[in-house]
Amino acid sequence: MHTPFSSERATQLARDTLDIEARALLALRERMLTPPLAAAFAQAVQCILQSTGRVVVSGMGKSGHVGRKIAATLASTGTPAYFVHPAEASHGDLGMVTRQDVFLALSNSGETEELTRIVPQVKRLGATLISMTGRTDSTLARHADILLDCAVEQEACPLNL
């Protein structure tokens, strides 16, 4: 059962969430000035721009929702892209992936089983693997051709998801 919130409490929670998100964006902006992330980001952009294939985006849960938006935005701005659900990928959907493609994998933990299970297949197919993860020591990070460190200090979600 949900506990009712007063309008003041709901407004405060919304402001707190916005503050957490704003701090995370500012921290990412600062990290973009450091050589590791700046170089990786530039490499990822060049990889996508020079690709003769498509950008195949995949992620599970909240990362999947973000991935769907990335794929939709890329497609609507002229970069051929689509989203593949990682659970479906291992049941035939990876047949669409070619060596000309860029595979963008999103996972905060970098250990999402459905995603890490398909990484070896993606690598065998010859697609370039760009991993966006919050853990640079994760399975997804270790297998990446290009690693984008997306760690945040604090999750805005009260369940830390």
Foldseek 3Di string as FASTA:
>chain_A
DDDDDDPVRVVVLVVLLVVQVVVLVVVVVVVCPDVQQVVLVVVVVVLQVPFPDAEEEEEDDPQRVVRQVVQVVCVVVPGHYHYDYLQCCVVPVVVVDALSYAYEYEDAALVPPSVLVCLVVNVVRNHAYEYEYCDCPHSSNVSHPGYNHSHGPFHSDPVRD
